[in-house]
N, C-alpha and C. Protein backbone atom coordinates (compact mmCIF):
# COMPACT_ATOMS: atom_id res chain seq x y z
N MET A 1 135.87 46.69 -28.83
CA MET A 1 134.72 45.98 -29.61
C MET A 1 134.76 44.54 -29.59
N VAL A 2 133.70 43.77 -29.35
CA VAL A 2 133.62 42.48 -29.48
C VAL A 2 132.55 42.12 -30.44
N MET A 3 132.27 40.85 -30.81
CA MET A 3 131.37 40.29 -31.66
C MET A 3 129.91 40.89 -31.31
N ALA A 4 129.64 40.80 -29.81
CA ALA A 4 128.40 41.19 -29.44
C ALA A 4 128.09 42.64 -29.56
N ASP A 5 129.12 43.35 -29.94
CA ASP A 5 128.89 44.77 -30.27
C ASP A 5 128.57 45.06 -31.62
N VAL A 6 128.60 44.22 -32.58
CA VAL A 6 128.64 44.42 -33.96
C VAL A 6 127.18 44.89 -34.37
N ASP A 7 126.11 44.36 -33.77
CA ASP A 7 124.97 45.04 -34.21
C ASP A 7 124.72 46.30 -33.88
N ALA A 8 125.00 46.67 -32.67
CA ALA A 8 124.89 48.13 -32.29
C ALA A 8 125.81 49.01 -33.13
N VAL A 9 127.18 48.60 -33.34
CA VAL A 9 128.03 49.19 -34.08
C VAL A 9 127.61 49.73 -35.57
N HIS A 10 127.09 48.50 -36.27
CA HIS A 10 126.47 48.44 -37.51
C HIS A 10 125.22 49.53 -37.66
N ALA A 11 124.43 49.53 -36.56
CA ALA A 11 123.28 50.37 -36.60
C ALA A 11 123.74 51.84 -36.50
N LEU A 12 124.72 52.11 -35.71
CA LEU A 12 125.27 53.61 -35.55
C LEU A 12 125.92 53.98 -36.88
N GLU A 13 126.58 53.09 -37.35
CA GLU A 13 127.24 53.21 -38.69
C GLU A 13 126.16 53.65 -39.91
N CYS A 14 125.09 52.79 -39.90
CA CYS A 14 124.06 53.07 -40.85
C CYS A 14 123.13 54.31 -40.57
N SER A 15 123.35 54.90 -39.28
CA SER A 15 122.57 56.08 -38.98
C SER A 15 123.37 57.31 -39.42
N VAL A 16 124.70 57.23 -39.43
CA VAL A 16 125.52 58.47 -39.74
C VAL A 16 126.11 58.43 -41.01
N PHE A 17 126.10 57.45 -41.80
CA PHE A 17 126.92 57.51 -43.11
C PHE A 17 125.94 57.05 -44.31
N PRO A 18 125.91 57.70 -45.34
CA PRO A 18 125.07 57.49 -46.43
C PRO A 18 125.36 56.05 -47.20
N HIS A 19 126.71 55.87 -47.23
CA HIS A 19 127.07 54.62 -47.49
C HIS A 19 127.88 53.70 -46.62
N PRO A 20 127.23 53.18 -45.65
CA PRO A 20 127.91 52.42 -44.50
C PRO A 20 128.59 51.29 -44.96
N TRP A 21 129.50 50.96 -44.02
CA TRP A 21 130.11 49.48 -44.09
C TRP A 21 128.96 48.51 -43.85
N ARG A 22 129.33 47.37 -44.50
CA ARG A 22 128.35 46.19 -44.23
C ARG A 22 128.61 45.61 -42.85
N ARG A 23 127.67 44.88 -42.34
CA ARG A 23 127.74 44.18 -41.02
C ARG A 23 129.11 43.27 -41.17
N ALA A 24 129.24 42.59 -42.20
CA ALA A 24 130.22 41.76 -42.33
C ALA A 24 131.54 42.35 -42.42
N ASN A 25 131.75 43.69 -42.71
CA ASN A 25 132.96 44.27 -42.72
C ASN A 25 133.38 44.35 -41.24
N PHE A 26 132.64 44.61 -40.29
CA PHE A 26 132.98 44.79 -38.90
C PHE A 26 133.36 43.27 -38.45
N ILE A 27 132.48 42.32 -38.79
CA ILE A 27 132.99 40.90 -38.20
C ILE A 27 134.24 40.56 -38.93
N ASP A 28 134.62 40.83 -40.26
CA ASP A 28 135.94 40.59 -40.81
C ASP A 28 136.91 41.38 -40.07
N SER A 29 136.80 42.55 -39.76
CA SER A 29 137.71 43.31 -38.97
C SER A 29 138.17 42.83 -37.64
N LEU A 30 137.10 42.32 -36.83
CA LEU A 30 137.26 41.81 -35.57
C LEU A 30 138.00 40.39 -35.88
N ARG A 31 137.64 39.58 -36.58
CA ARG A 31 138.52 38.38 -36.95
C ARG A 31 139.72 38.44 -37.23
N SER A 32 140.02 39.63 -38.01
CA SER A 32 141.54 39.88 -38.49
C SER A 32 142.27 40.58 -37.30
N GLY A 33 141.66 40.67 -36.36
CA GLY A 33 142.45 41.23 -35.20
C GLY A 33 142.82 42.76 -35.16
N TYR A 34 142.04 43.44 -35.80
CA TYR A 34 142.14 44.98 -35.95
C TYR A 34 141.90 45.61 -34.70
N ASP A 35 142.44 46.64 -34.38
CA ASP A 35 142.29 47.35 -33.17
C ASP A 35 140.76 48.00 -33.19
N ALA A 36 140.02 47.48 -32.54
CA ALA A 36 138.45 48.11 -32.53
C ALA A 36 137.96 48.41 -31.03
N TRP A 37 137.55 49.42 -30.92
CA TRP A 37 136.98 50.11 -29.60
C TRP A 37 135.58 50.68 -29.73
N VAL A 38 134.88 50.61 -28.74
CA VAL A 38 133.77 51.22 -28.59
C VAL A 38 133.49 52.29 -27.45
N LEU A 39 132.67 53.31 -27.58
CA LEU A 39 132.55 54.23 -26.67
C LEU A 39 131.12 54.26 -26.37
N ALA A 40 130.69 54.13 -24.93
CA ALA A 40 129.45 53.89 -24.63
C ALA A 40 129.10 54.98 -23.28
N ASP A 41 127.86 55.46 -23.45
CA ASP A 41 127.48 56.38 -22.47
C ASP A 41 127.44 55.74 -21.12
N ALA A 42 127.85 56.31 -19.98
CA ALA A 42 127.82 55.71 -18.77
C ALA A 42 126.43 56.17 -18.06
N ASP A 43 125.73 55.23 -17.22
CA ASP A 43 124.55 55.60 -16.57
C ASP A 43 124.92 56.27 -15.29
N ALA A 44 124.04 56.51 -14.40
CA ALA A 44 124.31 57.19 -13.04
C ALA A 44 125.20 56.27 -12.16
N GLN A 45 125.14 55.02 -12.39
CA GLN A 45 125.90 54.11 -11.52
C GLN A 45 127.17 53.75 -12.06
N GLY A 46 127.44 54.38 -13.25
CA GLY A 46 128.71 54.10 -14.03
C GLY A 46 128.82 52.94 -14.89
N ALA A 47 127.61 52.16 -15.18
CA ALA A 47 127.51 51.12 -16.03
C ALA A 47 127.40 51.58 -17.51
N ASP A 48 128.06 50.75 -18.35
CA ASP A 48 128.01 51.06 -19.57
C ASP A 48 126.40 51.02 -20.11
N GLY A 49 126.28 52.16 -21.13
CA GLY A 49 124.83 52.32 -21.63
C GLY A 49 124.88 52.31 -23.07
N ALA A 50 124.41 53.10 -23.55
CA ALA A 50 124.12 53.17 -25.14
C ALA A 50 125.57 53.46 -25.97
N LEU A 51 125.61 52.77 -27.07
CA LEU A 51 126.75 53.14 -27.88
C LEU A 51 126.67 54.49 -28.39
N ILE A 52 127.83 55.18 -28.36
CA ILE A 52 127.85 56.49 -28.90
C ILE A 52 129.00 56.66 -29.90
N GLY A 53 129.83 55.81 -29.84
CA GLY A 53 130.92 55.86 -31.01
C GLY A 53 131.74 54.66 -30.94
N TYR A 54 132.71 54.71 -32.12
CA TYR A 54 133.67 53.46 -32.08
C TYR A 54 134.69 53.89 -33.09
N PHE A 55 135.72 53.15 -33.20
CA PHE A 55 136.74 53.20 -34.06
C PHE A 55 137.47 51.77 -34.43
N LEU A 56 137.93 51.62 -35.59
CA LEU A 56 138.77 50.42 -35.97
C LEU A 56 140.06 50.97 -36.54
N SER A 57 141.16 50.43 -36.37
CA SER A 57 142.42 50.78 -36.78
C SER A 57 143.17 49.35 -37.19
N MET A 58 144.02 49.54 -38.09
CA MET A 58 145.04 48.44 -38.25
C MET A 58 146.42 49.02 -38.38
N TYR A 59 147.32 48.07 -38.06
CA TYR A 59 148.90 48.54 -38.08
C TYR A 59 149.67 47.69 -38.83
N ALA A 60 150.52 48.24 -39.42
CA ALA A 60 151.53 47.60 -40.39
C ALA A 60 152.98 48.45 -40.22
N VAL A 61 153.81 47.83 -39.85
CA VAL A 61 155.24 48.04 -39.85
C VAL A 61 155.20 49.36 -38.78
N ASP A 62 155.30 50.69 -39.36
CA ASP A 62 155.28 51.91 -38.34
C ASP A 62 154.23 52.74 -38.69
N GLU A 63 153.14 52.22 -39.40
CA GLU A 63 151.94 53.06 -39.96
C GLU A 63 150.72 52.47 -39.20
N ALA A 64 149.90 53.32 -38.81
CA ALA A 64 148.52 53.07 -38.48
C ALA A 64 147.66 53.45 -39.68
N HIS A 65 146.50 52.81 -39.80
CA HIS A 65 145.49 53.07 -40.81
C HIS A 65 144.13 53.08 -39.98
N LEU A 66 143.69 54.31 -39.88
CA LEU A 66 142.22 54.55 -39.31
C LEU A 66 141.33 54.05 -40.17
N LEU A 67 140.71 53.04 -40.15
CA LEU A 67 139.71 52.36 -40.91
C LEU A 67 138.38 52.95 -41.08
N ASP A 68 137.66 53.15 -39.83
CA ASP A 68 136.48 53.82 -39.64
C ASP A 68 136.33 54.29 -38.28
N VAL A 69 135.72 55.43 -38.02
CA VAL A 69 135.44 56.14 -36.94
C VAL A 69 134.02 56.86 -36.95
N ALA A 70 133.20 56.72 -35.91
CA ALA A 70 131.98 57.47 -35.85
C ALA A 70 131.45 57.70 -34.42
N VAL A 71 130.75 58.89 -34.54
CA VAL A 71 130.07 59.44 -33.21
C VAL A 71 128.66 59.32 -33.58
N SER A 72 127.72 58.93 -32.80
CA SER A 72 126.40 59.11 -32.97
C SER A 72 125.90 60.46 -33.46
N ALA A 73 124.93 60.60 -34.27
CA ALA A 73 124.45 61.96 -34.60
C ALA A 73 124.13 62.84 -33.53
N GLY A 74 123.33 62.23 -32.40
CA GLY A 74 122.88 63.11 -31.34
C GLY A 74 123.97 63.47 -30.40
N ARG A 75 125.14 63.20 -30.49
CA ARG A 75 126.17 63.36 -29.61
C ARG A 75 127.42 64.02 -30.44
N GLN A 76 127.34 64.23 -31.64
CA GLN A 76 128.33 64.96 -32.50
C GLN A 76 128.35 66.61 -32.01
N GLY A 77 129.67 67.13 -32.03
CA GLY A 77 129.84 68.41 -31.63
C GLY A 77 130.16 68.58 -30.16
N ALA A 78 130.13 67.47 -29.35
CA ALA A 78 130.40 67.41 -27.98
C ALA A 78 131.83 67.10 -27.63
N GLY A 79 132.69 67.03 -28.52
CA GLY A 79 134.03 66.79 -28.08
C GLY A 79 134.41 65.23 -28.34
N LEU A 80 133.54 64.37 -28.48
CA LEU A 80 133.67 63.00 -28.67
C LEU A 80 134.45 62.48 -29.63
N GLY A 81 134.49 63.18 -30.86
CA GLY A 81 135.22 62.80 -32.01
C GLY A 81 136.69 63.01 -31.63
N ARG A 82 137.04 64.06 -30.89
CA ARG A 82 138.33 64.39 -30.53
C ARG A 82 138.91 63.43 -29.54
N LEU A 83 137.91 63.03 -28.55
CA LEU A 83 138.32 62.09 -27.49
C LEU A 83 138.70 60.67 -28.31
N LEU A 84 137.69 60.23 -29.48
CA LEU A 84 138.42 59.05 -30.06
C LEU A 84 139.54 59.16 -30.81
N LEU A 85 139.85 60.26 -31.29
CA LEU A 85 141.09 60.57 -32.19
C LEU A 85 142.22 60.56 -31.05
N ASP A 86 141.99 61.03 -29.85
CA ASP A 86 143.19 61.07 -28.81
C ASP A 86 143.28 59.55 -28.56
N ARG A 87 142.39 58.70 -28.43
CA ARG A 87 142.62 57.15 -28.12
C ARG A 87 143.22 56.49 -29.34
N ILE A 88 142.78 56.83 -30.56
CA ILE A 88 143.45 56.36 -31.69
C ILE A 88 144.96 56.59 -31.64
N ALA A 89 145.30 57.89 -31.37
CA ALA A 89 146.72 58.31 -31.39
C ALA A 89 147.49 57.60 -30.39
N ALA A 90 146.80 57.53 -29.15
CA ALA A 90 147.48 56.87 -28.11
C ALA A 90 147.71 55.37 -28.33
N ARG A 91 146.85 54.64 -28.88
CA ARG A 91 146.92 53.28 -29.23
C ARG A 91 148.05 53.34 -30.19
N ALA A 92 148.19 54.03 -31.24
CA ALA A 92 149.20 54.02 -32.40
C ALA A 92 150.56 54.22 -31.63
N ARG A 93 150.59 55.14 -30.83
CA ARG A 93 152.00 55.52 -30.34
C ARG A 93 152.42 54.24 -29.44
N ASP A 94 151.42 53.82 -28.54
CA ASP A 94 151.75 52.65 -27.72
C ASP A 94 152.35 51.45 -28.62
N LYS A 95 151.93 51.34 -29.84
CA LYS A 95 152.27 50.27 -30.66
C LYS A 95 153.52 50.57 -31.60
N GLY A 96 154.10 51.81 -31.31
CA GLY A 96 155.28 52.18 -32.11
C GLY A 96 155.11 52.75 -33.52
N MET A 97 153.83 53.07 -33.74
CA MET A 97 153.62 53.75 -34.90
C MET A 97 154.21 55.20 -35.12
N ALA A 98 154.58 55.54 -36.45
CA ALA A 98 154.98 56.86 -36.66
C ALA A 98 153.97 57.89 -37.10
N THR A 99 153.00 57.25 -37.85
CA THR A 99 152.00 58.01 -38.52
C THR A 99 150.89 57.25 -38.53
N ILE A 100 149.72 57.99 -38.80
CA ILE A 100 148.35 57.46 -38.94
C ILE A 100 147.78 58.10 -40.33
N PHE A 101 147.11 57.09 -41.01
CA PHE A 101 146.57 57.45 -42.36
C PHE A 101 145.26 57.23 -42.09
N LEU A 102 144.45 57.92 -42.95
CA LEU A 102 143.00 57.73 -43.18
C LEU A 102 142.51 58.16 -44.53
N GLU A 103 141.45 57.70 -44.97
CA GLU A 103 140.71 58.20 -46.14
C GLU A 103 139.37 58.81 -45.72
N VAL A 104 138.89 59.96 -46.26
CA VAL A 104 137.78 60.50 -46.11
C VAL A 104 137.16 61.11 -47.40
N ARG A 105 135.86 61.08 -47.39
CA ARG A 105 135.10 61.58 -48.61
C ARG A 105 135.19 63.10 -48.49
N PRO A 106 135.44 63.80 -49.79
CA PRO A 106 135.35 65.29 -49.77
C PRO A 106 133.92 65.67 -49.30
N SER A 107 132.88 64.98 -49.34
CA SER A 107 131.65 65.48 -49.06
C SER A 107 131.31 65.36 -47.48
N ASN A 108 132.24 64.71 -46.81
CA ASN A 108 132.03 64.65 -45.48
C ASN A 108 132.70 65.77 -44.76
N GLU A 109 132.25 66.99 -44.96
CA GLU A 109 132.97 68.24 -44.43
C GLU A 109 133.12 68.30 -43.08
N ARG A 110 132.19 67.77 -42.39
CA ARG A 110 132.33 67.74 -40.69
C ARG A 110 133.50 67.02 -40.37
N ALA A 111 133.74 66.00 -41.05
CA ALA A 111 134.86 64.89 -40.55
C ALA A 111 136.21 65.62 -40.98
N LEU A 112 136.17 66.27 -42.09
CA LEU A 112 137.36 67.00 -42.87
C LEU A 112 137.77 68.21 -41.72
N GLN A 113 136.74 68.80 -41.35
CA GLN A 113 137.15 70.05 -40.29
C GLN A 113 137.75 69.39 -39.00
N VAL A 114 137.15 68.15 -38.39
CA VAL A 114 137.70 67.64 -37.34
C VAL A 114 138.97 67.13 -37.38
N TYR A 115 139.28 66.63 -38.57
CA TYR A 115 140.50 65.94 -38.68
C TYR A 115 141.55 67.13 -38.84
N ARG A 116 141.36 68.10 -39.75
CA ARG A 116 142.32 69.23 -39.92
C ARG A 116 142.50 69.96 -38.61
N ARG A 117 141.47 70.08 -37.79
CA ARG A 117 141.77 70.66 -36.35
C ARG A 117 142.72 69.83 -35.55
N TYR A 118 142.68 68.61 -35.67
CA TYR A 118 143.28 67.72 -35.02
C TYR A 118 144.70 67.73 -35.44
N GLY A 119 145.12 68.02 -36.66
CA GLY A 119 146.55 68.11 -37.12
C GLY A 119 146.56 67.13 -38.16
N TYR A 120 145.64 66.43 -38.98
CA TYR A 120 145.83 65.74 -40.13
C TYR A 120 145.99 66.59 -41.18
N THR A 121 146.86 66.25 -42.24
CA THR A 121 147.04 67.12 -43.39
C THR A 121 146.76 66.11 -44.54
N GLU A 122 146.28 66.73 -45.69
CA GLU A 122 145.85 66.13 -46.76
C GLU A 122 147.30 65.89 -47.65
N ILE A 123 147.34 64.57 -48.03
CA ILE A 123 148.55 64.10 -48.71
C ILE A 123 148.38 63.57 -50.17
N GLY A 124 146.98 63.47 -50.48
CA GLY A 124 146.69 62.80 -51.85
C GLY A 124 145.29 62.46 -51.92
N ARG A 125 144.86 62.12 -53.13
CA ARG A 125 143.63 61.67 -53.45
C ARG A 125 143.46 60.30 -54.19
N ARG A 126 142.62 59.58 -53.66
CA ARG A 126 142.37 58.33 -54.62
C ARG A 126 140.96 58.64 -55.24
N LYS A 127 141.17 58.69 -56.75
CA LYS A 127 140.06 58.84 -57.56
C LYS A 127 139.03 57.72 -57.47
N ALA A 128 137.59 58.21 -57.46
CA ALA A 128 136.68 57.10 -57.64
C ALA A 128 136.71 56.08 -56.54
N TYR A 129 137.24 56.30 -55.38
CA TYR A 129 137.41 55.44 -54.26
C TYR A 129 136.08 54.90 -53.70
N TYR A 130 135.19 55.93 -53.41
CA TYR A 130 134.04 55.50 -52.73
C TYR A 130 132.86 55.31 -53.64
N PRO A 131 131.76 54.37 -53.29
CA PRO A 131 130.61 54.40 -53.98
C PRO A 131 129.81 55.62 -53.61
N ALA A 132 129.06 56.15 -54.52
CA ALA A 132 128.26 57.37 -54.27
C ALA A 132 126.83 57.12 -54.75
N HIS A 133 126.07 58.20 -54.70
CA HIS A 133 124.76 58.11 -55.20
C HIS A 133 124.50 57.68 -56.66
N GLU A 134 123.47 56.90 -57.08
CA GLU A 134 123.04 56.79 -58.45
C GLU A 134 124.24 56.11 -59.19
N GLY A 135 125.03 55.19 -58.58
CA GLY A 135 126.00 54.50 -59.27
C GLY A 135 127.14 55.18 -59.62
N LYS A 136 127.33 56.45 -59.10
CA LYS A 136 128.50 57.29 -59.31
C LYS A 136 129.57 56.90 -58.18
N ARG A 137 130.86 57.48 -58.35
CA ARG A 137 131.88 57.32 -57.55
C ARG A 137 132.34 58.73 -56.88
N GLU A 138 132.97 58.57 -55.64
CA GLU A 138 133.40 59.74 -55.12
C GLU A 138 134.98 59.54 -54.66
N ASP A 139 135.68 60.46 -55.00
CA ASP A 139 137.16 60.59 -54.50
C ASP A 139 137.45 60.27 -53.01
N ALA A 140 138.47 60.03 -52.53
CA ALA A 140 138.95 59.91 -51.05
C ALA A 140 140.07 60.80 -51.09
N ILE A 141 139.86 61.77 -50.02
CA ILE A 141 141.00 62.48 -49.67
C ILE A 141 141.89 61.70 -48.64
N ILE A 142 143.16 61.42 -48.89
CA ILE A 142 144.05 60.74 -48.14
C ILE A 142 144.73 61.73 -47.06
N MET A 143 144.66 61.52 -45.76
CA MET A 143 145.28 62.41 -44.74
C MET A 143 146.05 61.61 -43.91
N ARG A 144 147.06 62.36 -43.36
CA ARG A 144 148.16 61.76 -42.34
C ARG A 144 148.29 62.66 -41.34
N LEU A 145 148.59 61.96 -40.18
CA LEU A 145 149.09 62.61 -38.83
C LEU A 145 150.34 61.91 -38.51
N GLU A 146 151.27 62.91 -38.27
CA GLU A 146 152.75 62.52 -37.68
C GLU A 146 152.57 62.44 -36.27
N LEU A 147 152.89 61.31 -35.74
CA LEU A 147 152.84 61.12 -34.30
C LEU A 147 154.07 61.55 -33.67
């Protein structure tokens, strides 16, 4: 992911999450040097086409933190989430990480199912972590994958 991708990434984010990151969050992440990748459809000639997914991770000591990952709504259920998780794990291993952490909303049942199938386990909760509808807050489930 590069700065030129931010508008498309933010548009995808807004299309799949009820409480998306702000555009500035992606810009700040890139400026901070976080590991950021996009997944694009390839056309018949093999050239990059439409954005269909992305992820952002950060690394500290021996832990990776998956900050954001998404697959476009029209392409969910086709194994692309697993493809991105494979790439995230490979990048973390290449950087010598021992674990990957993430937070996910309890209401994001589809993501929870994907993470659990992949091998992530719930290790805790952050109370009232996420903004929710009508000024309310939603907990975050903290998950970990041992590499």
